[in-house]
């Protein structure tokens, strides 16, 4: 599968989400109604957490841009199972990590596109 050509402008949103580690500012940009780029920043976190979140965003973006849907789905499902020890509640949902939140938002976006 060839990499999707990036347009000059992408549609996207940034959401502020309260987590066990501080506020997560999550940006998901879309291309052709699918996630294309993702980035996240944690307020008040140390440089290690920031760096790890930046790298995860880059890796997810590469997956979104270059992989088939089944690989994307498997990758996102794995994120849902990552626990960091700072569990928190988001509404009625128990979240195990910021990665769990990222997976949730990607899944919600995919559901919106599907119908």
PDB file of N, CA and C in Angstrom:
ATOM      1  N   UNK A   1       0.849  -1.183   0.000  1.00  0.00           N
ATOM      2  CA  UNK A   1       0.000   0.000   0.000  1.00  0.00           C
ATOM      3  C   UNK A   1       0.890   1.240   0.000  1.00  0.00           C
ATOM      4  N   UNK A   2       0.635   2.147  -0.889  1.00  0.00           N
ATOM      5  CA  UNK A   2       1.419   3.375  -0.974  1.00  0.00           C
ATOM      6  C   UNK A   2       0.964   4.368   0.089  1.00  0.00           C
ATOM      7  N   UNK A   3       1.922   5.139   0.570  1.00  0.00           N
ATOM      8  CA  UNK A   3       1.598   6.171   1.555  1.00  0.00           C
ATOM      9  C   UNK A   3       0.644   7.187   0.937  1.00  0.00           C
ATOM     10  N   UNK A   4      -0.356   7.581   1.733  1.00  0.00           N
ATOM     11  CA  UNK A   4      -1.297   8.598   1.279  1.00  0.00           C
ATOM     12  C   UNK A   4      -0.565   9.938   1.180  1.00  0.00           C
ATOM     13  N   UNK A   5      -0.812  10.655   0.111  1.00  0.00           N
ATOM     14  CA  UNK A   5      -0.198  11.978  -0.065  1.00  0.00           C
ATOM     15  C   UNK A   5      -0.860  12.959   0.898  1.00  0.00           C
ATOM     16  N   UNK A   6      -0.034  13.669   1.650  1.00  0.00           N
ATOM     17  CA  UNK A   6      -0.574  14.617   2.622  1.00  0.00           C
ATOM     18  C   UNK A   6      -0.992  15.906   1.930  1.00  0.00           C
ATOM     19  N   UNK A   7      -2.251  16.297   2.129  1.00  0.00           N
ATOM     20  CA  UNK A   7      -2.687  17.583   1.580  1.00  0.00           C
ATOM     21  C   UNK A   7      -2.088  18.725   2.409  1.00  0.00           C
ATOM     22  N   UNK A   8      -2.157  19.929   1.872  1.00  0.00           N
ATOM     23  CA  UNK A   8      -1.632  21.095   2.580  1.00  0.00           C
ATOM     24  C   UNK A   8      -2.440  21.421   3.838  1.00  0.00           C
ATOM     25  N   UNK A   9      -3.736  21.094   3.831  1.00  0.00           N
ATOM     26  CA  UNK A   9      -4.611  21.383   4.965  1.00  0.00           C
ATOM     27  C   UNK A   9      -5.336  20.102   5.366  1.00  0.00           C
ATOM     28  N   UNK A  10      -5.345  19.825   6.663  1.00  0.00           N
ATOM     29  CA  UNK A  10      -6.085  18.679   7.203  1.00  0.00           C
ATOM     30  C   UNK A  10      -7.147  19.180   8.166  1.00  0.00           C
ATOM     31  N   UNK A  11      -8.252  18.441   8.238  1.00  0.00           N
ATOM     32  CA  UNK A  11      -9.313  18.741   9.198  1.00  0.00           C
ATOM     33  C   UNK A  11      -8.972  18.012  10.498  1.00  0.00           C
ATOM     34  N   UNK A  12      -9.170  18.677  11.626  1.00  0.00           N
ATOM     35  CA  UNK A  12      -8.887  18.019  12.886  1.00  0.00           C
ATOM     36  C   UNK A  12      -9.405  18.791  14.071  1.00  0.00           C
ATOM     37  N   UNK A  13      -9.285  18.174  15.229  1.00  0.00           N
ATOM     38  CA  UNK A  13      -9.722  18.771  16.480  1.00  0.00           C
ATOM     39  C   UNK A  13      -8.700  18.497  17.564  1.00  0.00           C
ATOM     40  N   UNK A  14      -8.632  19.409  18.512  1.00  0.00           N
ATOM     41  CA  UNK A  14      -7.828  19.199  19.712  1.00  0.00           C
ATOM     42  C   UNK A  14      -8.788  19.173  20.893  1.00  0.00           C
ATOM     43  N   UNK A  15      -8.660  18.152  21.708  1.00  0.00           N
ATOM     44  CA  UNK A  15      -9.539  17.975  22.867  1.00  0.00           C
ATOM     45  C   UNK A  15      -8.701  18.000  24.141  1.00  0.00           C
ATOM     46  N   UNK A  16      -9.213  18.672  25.161  1.00  0.00           N
ATOM     47  CA  UNK A  16      -8.595  18.676  26.481  1.00  0.00           C
ATOM     48  C   UNK A  16      -9.270  17.585  27.312  1.00  0.00           C
ATOM     49  N   UNK A  17      -8.466  16.655  27.824  1.00  0.00           N
ATOM     50  CA  UNK A  17      -8.993  15.522  28.572  1.00  0.00           C
ATOM     51  C   UNK A  17      -8.252  15.444  29.908  1.00  0.00           C
ATOM     52  N   UNK A  18      -9.000  15.426  30.995  1.00  0.00           N
ATOM     53  CA  UNK A  18      -8.379  15.290  32.318  1.00  0.00           C
ATOM     54  C   UNK A  18      -7.982  13.839  32.549  1.00  0.00           C
ATOM     55  N   UNK A  19      -6.711  13.631  32.869  1.00  0.00           N
ATOM     56  CA  UNK A  19      -6.206  12.275  33.109  1.00  0.00           C
ATOM     57  C   UNK A  19      -5.574  12.204  34.490  1.00  0.00           C
ATOM     58  N   UNK A  20      -5.107  11.029  34.860  1.00  0.00           N
ATOM     59  CA  UNK A  20      -4.427  10.842  36.137  1.00  0.00           C
ATOM     60  C   UNK A  20      -3.074  11.533  36.187  1.00  0.00           C
ATOM     61  N   UNK A  21      -2.555  11.954  35.040  1.00  0.00           N
ATOM     62  CA  UNK A  21      -1.238  12.615  34.969  1.00  0.00           C
ATOM     63  C   UNK A  21      -1.338  14.091  34.647  1.00  0.00           C
ATOM     64  N   UNK A  22      -2.531  14.631  34.607  1.00  0.00           N
ATOM     65  CA  UNK A  22      -2.727  16.021  34.221  1.00  0.00           C
ATOM     66  C   UNK A  22      -3.582  16.092  32.973  1.00  0.00           C
ATOM     67  N   UNK A  23      -3.711  17.256  32.410  1.00  0.00           N
ATOM     68  CA  UNK A  23      -4.534  17.435  31.215  1.00  0.00           C
ATOM     69  C   UNK A  23      -3.805  16.934  29.972  1.00  0.00           C
ATOM     70  N   UNK A  24      -4.499  16.113  29.200  1.00  0.00           N
ATOM     71  CA  UNK A  24      -4.000  15.633  27.920  1.00  0.00           C
ATOM     72  C   UNK A  24      -4.646  16.479  26.834  1.00  0.00           C
ATOM     73  N   UNK A  25      -3.839  17.091  25.999  1.00  0.00           N
ATOM     74  CA  UNK A  25      -4.335  17.833  24.850  1.00  0.00           C
ATOM     75  C   UNK A  25      -4.083  16.951  23.636  1.00  0.00           C
ATOM     76  N   UNK A  26      -5.140  16.347  23.140  1.00  0.00           N
ATOM     77  CA  UNK A  26      -5.048  15.355  22.075  1.00  0.00           C
ATOM     78  C   UNK A  26      -5.565  15.942  20.766  1.00  0.00           C
ATOM     79  N   UNK A  27      -4.728  15.893  19.737  1.00  0.00           N
ATOM     80  CA  UNK A  27      -5.103  16.381  18.411  1.00  0.00           C
ATOM     81  C   UNK A  27      -5.112  15.207  17.444  1.00  0.00           C
ATOM     82  N   UNK A  28      -6.237  15.045  16.754  1.00  0.00           N
ATOM     83  CA  UNK A  28      -6.334  14.028  15.707  1.00  0.00           C
ATOM     84  C   UNK A  28      -6.733  14.749  14.429  1.00  0.00           C
ATOM     85  N   UNK A  29      -5.854  14.683  13.440  1.00  0.00           N
ATOM     86  CA  UNK A  29      -6.132  15.250  12.119  1.00  0.00           C
ATOM     87  C   UNK A  29      -6.559  14.130  11.191  1.00  0.00           C
ATOM     88  N   UNK A  30      -7.491  14.447  10.299  1.00  0.00           N
ATOM     89  CA  UNK A  30      -8.054  13.442   9.396  1.00  0.00           C
ATOM     90  C   UNK A  30      -7.737  13.761   7.939  1.00  0.00           C
ATOM     91  N   UNK A  31      -7.712  12.693   7.142  1.00  0.00           N
ATOM     92  CA  UNK A  31      -7.592  12.801   5.694  1.00  0.00           C
ATOM     93  C   UNK A  31      -8.475  11.710   5.106  1.00  0.00           C
ATOM     94  N   UNK A  32      -9.347  12.083   4.204  1.00  0.00           N
ATOM     95  CA  UNK A  32     -10.288  11.137   3.587  1.00  0.00           C
ATOM     96  C   UNK A  32     -11.101  10.397   4.646  1.00  0.00           C
ATOM     97  N   UNK A  33     -11.597  11.157   5.642  1.00  0.00           N
ATOM     98  CA  UNK A  33     -12.441  10.635   6.725  1.00  0.00           C
ATOM     99  C   UNK A  33     -11.794   9.518   7.537  1.00  0.00           C
ATOM    100  N   UNK A  34     -10.491   9.574   7.682  1.00  0.00           N
ATOM    101  CA  UNK A  34      -9.786   8.593   8.517  1.00  0.00           C
ATOM    102  C   UNK A  34      -8.677   9.321   9.276  1.00  0.00           C
ATOM    103  N   UNK A  35      -8.304   8.820  10.463  1.00  0.00           N
ATOM    104  CA  UNK A  35      -7.185   9.438  11.178  1.00  0.00           C
ATOM    105  C   UNK A  35      -5.939   9.442  10.292  1.00  0.00           C
ATOM    106  N   UNK A  36      -5.210  10.535  10.331  1.00  0.00           N
ATOM    107  CA  UNK A  36      -4.007  10.657   9.500  1.00  0.00           C
ATOM    108  C   UNK A  36      -2.790  11.044  10.337  1.00  0.00           C
ATOM    109  N   UNK A  37      -2.981  12.001  11.242  1.00  0.00           N
ATOM    110  CA  UNK A  37      -1.915  12.427  12.142  1.00  0.00           C
ATOM    111  C   UNK A  37      -2.488  12.548  13.538  1.00  0.00           C
ATOM    112  N   UNK A  38      -1.662  12.214  14.518  1.00  0.00           N
ATOM    113  CA  UNK A  38      -2.103  12.325  15.902  1.00  0.00           C
ATOM    114  C   UNK A  38      -0.963  12.894  16.730  1.00  0.00           C
ATOM    115  N   UNK A  39      -1.313  13.742  17.668  1.00  0.00           N
ATOM    116  CA  UNK A  39      -0.303  14.251  18.595  1.00  0.00           C
ATOM    117  C   UNK A  39      -0.964  14.521  19.931  1.00  0.00           C
ATOM    118  N   UNK A  40      -0.178  14.428  20.968  1.00  0.00           N
ATOM    119  CA  UNK A  40      -0.695  14.682  22.301  1.00  0.00           C
ATOM    120  C   UNK A  40       0.344  15.348  23.167  1.00  0.00           C
ATOM    121  N   UNK A  41      -0.136  16.176  24.066  1.00  0.00           N
ATOM    122  CA  UNK A  41       0.729  16.820  25.051  1.00  0.00           C
ATOM    123  C   UNK A  41       0.061  16.704  26.406  1.00  0.00           C
ATOM    124  N   UNK A  42       0.875  16.457  27.399  1.00  0.00           N
ATOM    125  CA  UNK A  42       0.381  16.372  28.774  1.00  0.00           C
ATOM    126  C   UNK A  42       0.858  17.617  29.503  1.00  0.00           C
ATOM    127  N   UNK A  43      -0.083  18.348  30.087  1.00  0.00           N
ATOM    128  CA  UNK A  43       0.288  19.503  30.891  1.00  0.00           C
ATOM    129  C   UNK A  43       0.923  19.038  32.186  1.00  0.00           C
ATOM    130  N   UNK A  44       1.922  19.762  32.656  1.00  0.00           N
ATOM    131  CA  UNK A  44       2.589  19.517  33.934  1.00  0.00           C
ATOM    132  C   UNK A  44       3.322  18.188  34.004  1.00  0.00           C
ATOM    133  N   UNK A  45       3.588  17.538  32.875  1.00  0.00           N
ATOM    134  CA  UNK A  45       4.316  16.275  32.930  1.00  0.00           C
ATOM    135  C   UNK A  45       5.791  16.522  32.695  1.00  0.00           C
ATOM    136  N   UNK A  46       6.590  15.577  33.140  1.00  0.00           N
ATOM    137  CA  UNK A  46       8.028  15.670  32.930  1.00  0.00           C
ATOM    138  C   UNK A  46       8.399  15.410  31.485  1.00  0.00           C
ATOM    139  N   UNK A  47       9.640  15.644  31.186  1.00  0.00           N
ATOM    140  CA  UNK A  47      10.093  15.515  29.804  1.00  0.00           C
ATOM    141  C   UNK A  47      10.000  14.079  29.292  1.00  0.00           C
ATOM    142  N   UNK A  48      10.126  13.101  30.156  1.00  0.00           N
ATOM    143  CA  UNK A  48      10.042  11.697  29.727  1.00  0.00           C
ATOM    144  C   UNK A  48       8.637  11.372  29.216  1.00  0.00           C
ATOM    145  N   UNK A  49       7.629  11.758  29.967  1.00  0.00           N
ATOM    146  CA  UNK A  49       6.249  11.492  29.551  1.00  0.00           C
ATOM    147  C   UNK A  49       5.942  12.246  28.259  1.00  0.00           C
ATOM    148  N   UNK A  50       6.376  13.481  28.174  1.00  0.00           N
ATOM    149  CA  UNK A  50       6.169  14.264  26.951  1.00  0.00           C
ATOM    150  C   UNK A  50       6.810  13.591  25.752  1.00  0.00           C
ATOM    151  N   UNK A  51       8.054  13.153  25.925  1.00  0.00           N
ATOM    152  CA  UNK A  51       8.772  12.514  24.817  1.00  0.00           C
ATOM    153  C   UNK A  51       8.093  11.228  24.382  1.00  0.00           C
ATOM    154  N   UNK A  52       7.684  10.418  25.343  1.00  0.00           N
ATOM    155  CA  UNK A  52       7.030   9.145  25.009  1.00  0.00           C
ATOM    156  C   UNK A  52       5.729   9.400  24.256  1.00  0.00           C
ATOM    157  N   UNK A  53       4.957  10.378  24.700  1.00  0.00           N
ATOM    158  CA  UNK A  53       3.701  10.696  24.033  1.00  0.00           C
ATOM    159  C   UNK A  53       3.947  11.226  22.616  1.00  0.00           C
ATOM    160  N   UNK A  54       4.990  12.006  22.455  1.00  0.00           N
ATOM    161  CA  UNK A  54       5.342  12.514  21.122  1.00  0.00           C
ATOM    162  C   UNK A  54       5.709  11.364  20.179  1.00  0.00           C
ATOM    163  N   UNK A  55       6.510  10.435  20.660  1.00  0.00           N
ATOM    164  CA  UNK A  55       6.924   9.293  19.836  1.00  0.00           C
ATOM    165  C   UNK A  55       5.725   8.409  19.496  1.00  0.00           C
ATOM    166  N   UNK A  56       4.843   8.187  20.454  1.00  0.00           N
ATOM    167  CA  UNK A  56       3.652   7.378  20.189  1.00  0.00           C
ATOM    168  C   UNK A  56       2.795   8.043  19.122  1.00  0.00           C
ATOM    169  N   UNK A  57       2.659   9.359  19.186  1.00  0.00           N
ATOM    170  CA  UNK A  57       1.914  10.082  18.153  1.00  0.00           C
ATOM    171  C   UNK A  57       2.531   9.898  16.781  1.00  0.00           C
ATOM    172  N   UNK A  58       3.845   9.997  16.701  1.00  0.00           N
ATOM    173  CA  UNK A  58       4.545   9.805  15.428  1.00  0.00           C
ATOM    174  C   UNK A  58       4.325   8.389  14.909  1.00  0.00           C
ATOM    175  N   UNK A  59       4.492   7.405  15.779  1.00  0.00           N
ATOM    176  CA  UNK A  59       4.313   6.011  15.358  1.00  0.00           C
ATOM    177  C   UNK A  59       2.881   5.735  14.906  1.00  0.00           C
ATOM    178  N   UNK A  60       1.900   6.260  15.640  1.00  0.00           N
ATOM    179  CA  UNK A  60       0.506   6.077  15.227  1.00  0.00           C
ATOM    180  C   UNK A  60       0.243   6.748  13.885  1.00  0.00           C
ATOM    181  N   UNK A  61       0.805   7.919  13.688  1.00  0.00           N
ATOM    182  CA  UNK A  61       0.628   8.615  12.409  1.00  0.00           C
ATOM    183  C   UNK A  61       1.196   7.784  11.266  1.00  0.00           C
ATOM    184  N   UNK A  62       2.354   7.172  11.479  1.00  0.00           N
ATOM    185  CA  UNK A  62       2.948   6.308  10.451  1.00  0.00           C
ATOM    186  C   UNK A  62       2.033   5.129  10.159  1.00  0.00           C
ATOM    187  N   UNK A  63       1.463   4.534  11.208  1.00  0.00           N
ATOM    188  CA  UNK A  63       0.533   3.410  11.024  1.00  0.00           C
ATOM    189  C   UNK A  63      -0.692   3.876  10.231  1.00  0.00           C
ATOM    190  N   UNK A  64      -1.284   5.005  10.624  1.00  0.00           N
ATOM    191  CA  UNK A  64      -2.474   5.509   9.922  1.00  0.00           C
ATOM    192  C   UNK A  64      -2.188   5.764   8.449  1.00  0.00           C
ATOM    193  N   UNK A  65      -1.007   6.259   8.141  1.00  0.00           N
ATOM    194  CA  UNK A  65      -0.674   6.659   6.779  1.00  0.00           C
ATOM    195  C   UNK A  65      -0.216   5.503   5.886  1.00  0.00           C
ATOM    196  N   UNK A  66       0.221   4.408   6.490  1.00  0.00           N
ATOM    197  CA  UNK A  66       0.876   3.378   5.690  1.00  0.00           C
ATOM    198  C   UNK A  66       0.304   1.969   5.810  1.00  0.00           C
ATOM    199  N   UNK A  67      -0.605   1.746   6.732  1.00  0.00           N
ATOM    200  CA  UNK A  67      -1.033   0.374   6.991  1.00  0.00           C
ATOM    201  C   UNK A  67      -2.481   0.129   6.577  1.00  0.00           C
ATOM    202  N   UNK A  68      -2.771  -1.133   6.380  1.00  0.00           N
ATOM    203  CA  UNK A  68      -4.133  -1.566   6.069  1.00  0.00           C
ATOM    204  C   UNK A  68      -4.995  -1.435   7.326  1.00  0.00           C
ATOM    205  N   UNK A  69      -6.310  -1.416   7.112  1.00  0.00           N
ATOM    206  CA  UNK A  69      -7.245  -1.206   8.229  1.00  0.00           C
ATOM    207  C   UNK A  69      -7.103  -2.242   9.345  1.00  0.00           C
ATOM    208  N   UNK A  70      -6.822  -3.502   8.991  1.00  0.00           N
ATOM    209  CA  UNK A  70      -6.709  -4.518  10.045  1.00  0.00           C
ATOM    210  C   UNK A  70      -5.499  -4.256  10.942  1.00  0.00           C
ATOM    211  N   UNK A  71      -4.405  -3.753  10.408  1.00  0.00           N
ATOM    212  CA  UNK A  71      -3.226  -3.416  11.209  1.00  0.00           C
ATOM    213  C   UNK A  71      -3.524  -2.211  12.093  1.00  0.00           C
ATOM    214  N   UNK A  72      -4.218  -1.238  11.537  1.00  0.00           N
ATOM    215  CA  UNK A  72      -4.603  -0.059  12.324  1.00  0.00           C
ATOM    216  C   UNK A  72      -5.483  -0.488  13.489  1.00  0.00           C
ATOM    217  N   UNK A  73      -6.459  -1.334  13.210  1.00  0.00           N
ATOM    218  CA  UNK A  73      -7.382  -1.800  14.255  1.00  0.00           C
ATOM    219  C   UNK A  73      -6.635  -2.558  15.359  1.00  0.00           C
ATOM    220  N   UNK A  74      -5.725  -3.441  14.982  1.00  0.00           N
ATOM    221  CA  UNK A  74      -4.946  -4.197  15.973  1.00  0.00           C
ATOM    222  C   UNK A  74      -4.088  -3.264  16.822  1.00  0.00           C
ATOM    223  N   UNK A  75      -3.474  -2.282  16.176  1.00  0.00           N
ATOM    224  CA  UNK A  75      -2.620  -1.330  16.899  1.00  0.00           C
ATOM    225  C   UNK A  75      -3.441  -0.546  17.916  1.00  0.00           C
ATOM    226  N   UNK A  76      -4.581  -0.037  17.490  1.00  0.00           N
ATOM    227  CA  UNK A  76      -5.443   0.741  18.388  1.00  0.00           C
ATOM    228  C   UNK A  76      -5.963  -0.138  19.527  1.00  0.00           C
ATOM    229  N   UNK A  77      -6.332  -1.382  19.229  1.00  0.00           N
ATOM    230  CA  UNK A  77      -6.804  -2.291  20.279  1.00  0.00           C
ATOM    231  C   UNK A  77      -5.720  -2.553  21.319  1.00  0.00           C
ATOM    232  N   UNK A  78      -4.478  -2.656  20.902  1.00  0.00           N
ATOM    233  CA  UNK A  78      -3.383  -2.852  21.858  1.00  0.00           C
ATOM    234  C   UNK A  78      -3.237  -1.649  22.781  1.00  0.00           C
ATOM    235  N   UNK A  79      -3.443  -0.454  22.246  1.00  0.00           N
ATOM    236  CA  UNK A  79      -3.349   0.744  23.086  1.00  0.00           C
ATOM    237  C   UNK A  79      -4.374   0.715  24.210  1.00  0.00           C
ATOM    238  N   UNK A  80      -5.550   0.152  23.919  1.00  0.00           N
ATOM    239  CA  UNK A  80      -6.634   0.089  24.919  1.00  0.00           C
ATOM    240  C   UNK A  80      -6.238  -0.712  26.147  1.00  0.00           C
ATOM    241  N   UNK A  81      -5.273  -1.611  26.001  1.00  0.00           N
ATOM    242  CA  UNK A  81      -4.924  -2.497  27.115  1.00  0.00           C
ATOM    243  C   UNK A  81      -3.699  -2.024  27.899  1.00  0.00           C
ATOM    244  N   UNK A  82      -3.150  -0.872  27.550  1.00  0.00           N
ATOM    245  CA  UNK A  82      -1.961  -0.371  28.238  1.00  0.00           C
ATOM    246  C   UNK A  82      -2.362   0.318  29.538  1.00  0.00           C
ATOM    247  N   UNK A  83      -1.744  -0.130  30.634  1.00  0.00           N
ATOM    248  CA  UNK A  83      -1.993   0.475  31.938  1.00  0.00           C
ATOM    249  C   UNK A  83      -0.697   1.094  32.441  1.00  0.00           C
ATOM    250  N   UNK A  84      -0.794   2.300  32.986  1.00  0.00           N
ATOM    251  CA  UNK A  84       0.416   2.980  33.465  1.00  0.00           C
ATOM    252  C   UNK A  84       0.434   3.146  34.990  1.00  0.00           C
ATOM    253  N   UNK A  85      -0.601   2.705  35.664  1.00  0.00           N
ATOM    254  CA  UNK A  85      -0.650   2.859  37.117  1.00  0.00           C
ATOM    255  C   UNK A  85      -1.321   4.142  37.583  1.00  0.00           C
ATOM    256  N   UNK A  86      -1.733   4.991  36.650  1.00  0.00           N
ATOM    257  CA  UNK A  86      -2.442   6.229  37.007  1.00  0.00           C
ATOM    258  C   UNK A  86      -3.856   6.179  36.444  1.00  0.00           C
ATOM    259  N   UNK A  87      -4.600   5.159  36.851  1.00  0.00           N
ATOM    260  CA  UNK A  87      -5.971   5.010  36.349  1.00  0.00           C
ATOM    261  C   UNK A  87      -6.817   6.203  36.781  1.00  0.00           C
ATOM    262  N   UNK A  88      -7.830   6.496  35.985  1.00  0.00           N
ATOM    263  CA  UNK A  88      -8.733   7.600  36.289  1.00  0.00           C
ATOM    264  C   UNK A  88     -10.085   7.313  35.661  1.00  0.00           C
ATOM    265  N   UNK A  89     -11.064   8.090  36.063  1.00  0.00           N
ATOM    266  CA  UNK A  89     -12.410   7.957  35.516  1.00  0.00           C
ATOM    267  C   UNK A  89     -12.664   9.082  34.528  1.00  0.00           C
ATOM    268  N   UNK A  90     -13.335   8.728  33.460  1.00  0.00           N
ATOM    269  CA  UNK A  90     -13.774   9.705  32.477  1.00  0.00           C
ATOM    270  C   UNK A  90     -15.251   9.435  32.254  1.00  0.00           C
ATOM    271  N   UNK A  91     -16.079  10.219  32.924  1.00  0.00           N
ATOM    272  CA  UNK A  91     -17.502   9.924  32.904  1.00  0.00           C
ATOM    273  C   UNK A  91     -17.727   8.582  33.586  1.00  0.00           C
ATOM    274  N   UNK A  92     -18.418   7.675  32.905  1.00  0.00           N
ATOM    275  CA  UNK A  92     -18.666   6.342  33.454  1.00  0.00           C
ATOM    276  C   UNK A  92     -17.551   5.354  33.138  1.00  0.00           C
ATOM    277  N   UNK A  93     -16.597   5.759  32.318  1.00  0.00           N
ATOM    278  CA  UNK A  93     -15.538   4.842  31.880  1.00  0.00           C
ATOM    279  C   UNK A  93     -14.319   4.914  32.790  1.00  0.00           C
ATOM    280  N   UNK A  94     -13.745   3.764  33.046  1.00  0.00           N
ATOM    281  CA  UNK A  94     -12.474   3.689  33.769  1.00  0.00           C
ATOM    282  C   UNK A  94     -11.366   3.658  32.726  1.00  0.00           C
ATOM    283  N   UNK A  95     -10.433   4.567  32.808  1.00  0.00           N
ATOM    284  CA  UNK A  95      -9.321   4.642  31.865  1.00  0.00           C
ATOM    285  C   UNK A  95      -8.043   4.173  32.554  1.00  0.00           C
ATOM    286  N   UNK A  96      -7.294   3.336  31.858  1.00  0.00           N
ATOM    287  CA  UNK A  96      -6.070   2.778  32.429  1.00  0.00           C
ATOM    288  C   UNK A  96      -4.840   3.629  32.135  1.00  0.00           C
ATOM    289  N   UNK A  97      -4.927   4.504  31.114  1.00  0.00           N
ATOM    290  CA  UNK A  97      -3.774   5.312  30.727  1.00  0.00           C
ATOM    291  C   UNK A  97      -4.201   6.333  29.673  1.00  0.00           C
ATOM    292  N   UNK A  98      -3.288   7.235  29.355  1.00  0.00           N
ATOM    293  CA  UNK A  98      -3.539   8.179  28.259  1.00  0.00           C
ATOM    294  C   UNK A  98      -3.663   7.433  26.938  1.00  0.00           C
ATOM    295  N   UNK A  99      -2.941   6.340  26.795  1.00  0.00           N
ATOM    296  CA  UNK A  99      -3.026   5.557  25.562  1.00  0.00           C
ATOM    297  C   UNK A  99      -4.405   4.928  25.408  1.00  0.00           C
ATOM    298  N   UNK A 100      -5.001   4.541  26.511  1.00  0.00           N
ATOM    299  CA  UNK A 100      -6.363   4.021  26.498  1.00  0.00           C
ATOM    300  C   UNK A 100      -7.326   5.106  25.985  1.00  0.00           C
ATOM    301  N   UNK A 101      -7.118   6.343  26.423  1.00  0.00           N
ATOM    302  CA  UNK A 101      -7.953   7.464  25.963  1.00  0.00           C
ATOM    303  C   UNK A 101      -7.750   7.693  24.464  1.00  0.00           C
ATOM    304  N   UNK A 102      -6.510   7.669  24.012  1.00  0.00           N
ATOM    305  CA  UNK A 102      -6.218   7.860  22.588  1.00  0.00           C
ATOM    306  C   UNK A 102      -6.918   6.791  21.762  1.00  0.00           C
ATOM    307  N   UNK A 103      -6.828   5.542  22.198  1.00  0.00           N
ATOM    308  CA  UNK A 103      -7.506   4.454  21.486  1.00  0.00           C
ATOM    309  C   UNK A 103      -9.006   4.682  21.437  1.00  0.00           C
ATOM    310  N   UNK A 104      -9.582   5.119  22.544  1.00  0.00           N
ATOM    311  CA  UNK A 104     -11.017   5.393  22.598  1.00  0.00           C
ATOM    312  C   UNK A 104     -11.410   6.458  21.582  1.00  0.00           C
ATOM    313  N   UNK A 105     -10.637   7.547  21.496  1.00  0.00           N
ATOM    314  CA  UNK A 105     -10.977   8.627  20.570  1.00  0.00           C
ATOM    315  C   UNK A 105     -10.844   8.191  19.114  1.00  0.00           C
ATOM    316  N   UNK A 106      -9.839   7.391  18.813  1.00  0.00           N
ATOM    317  CA  UNK A 106      -9.687   6.882  17.439  1.00  0.00           C
ATOM    318  C   UNK A 106     -10.855   5.967  17.093  1.00  0.00           C
ATOM    319  N   UNK A 107     -11.250   5.101  18.030  1.00  0.00           N
ATOM    320  CA  UNK A 107     -12.384   4.206  17.786  1.00  0.00           C
ATOM    321  C   UNK A 107     -13.673   5.001  17.579  1.00  0.00           C
ATOM    322  N   UNK A 108     -13.893   6.038  18.373  1.00  0.00           N
ATOM    323  CA  UNK A 108     -15.091   6.875  18.209  1.00  0.00           C
ATOM    324  C   UNK A 108     -15.094   7.546  16.843  1.00  0.00           C
ATOM    325  N   UNK A 109     -13.951   8.023  16.414  1.00  0.00           N
ATOM    326  CA  UNK A 109     -13.847   8.666  15.100  1.00  0.00           C
ATOM    327  C   UNK A 109     -14.165   7.672  14.003  1.00  0.00           C
ATOM    328  N   UNK A 110     -13.670   6.458  14.118  1.00  0.00           N
ATOM    329  CA  UNK A 110     -13.946   5.427  13.105  1.00  0.00           C
ATOM    330  C   UNK A 110     -15.429   5.083  13.074  1.00  0.00           C
ATOM    331  N   UNK A 111     -16.072   5.020  14.248  1.00  0.00           N
ATOM    332  CA  UNK A 111     -17.507   4.732  14.293  1.00  0.00           C
ATOM    333  C   UNK A 111     -18.317   5.838  13.626  1.00  0.00           C
ATOM    334  N   UNK A 112     -17.911   7.084  13.836  1.00  0.00           N
ATOM    335  CA  UNK A 112     -18.616   8.205  13.204  1.00  0.00           C
ATOM    336  C   UNK A 112     -18.547   8.092  11.684  1.00  0.00           C
ATOM    337  N   UNK A 113     -17.401   7.676  11.174  1.00  0.00           N
ATOM    338  CA  UNK A 113     -17.223   7.556   9.730  1.00  0.00           C
ATOM    339  C   UNK A 113     -18.049   6.393   9.175  1.00  0.00           C
ATOM    340  N   UNK A 114     -18.082   5.284   9.923  1.00  0.00           N
ATOM    341  CA  UNK A 114     -18.805   4.098   9.470  1.00  0.00           C
ATOM    342  C   UNK A 114     -20.313   4.300   9.466  1.00  0.00           C
ATOM    343  N   UNK A 115     -20.781   5.171  10.315  1.00  0.00           N
ATOM    344  CA  UNK A 115     -22.194   5.361  10.215  1.00  0.00           C
ATOM    345  C   UNK A 115     -22.921   5.707  11.418  1.00  0.00           C
TER     346      UNK A 115
END
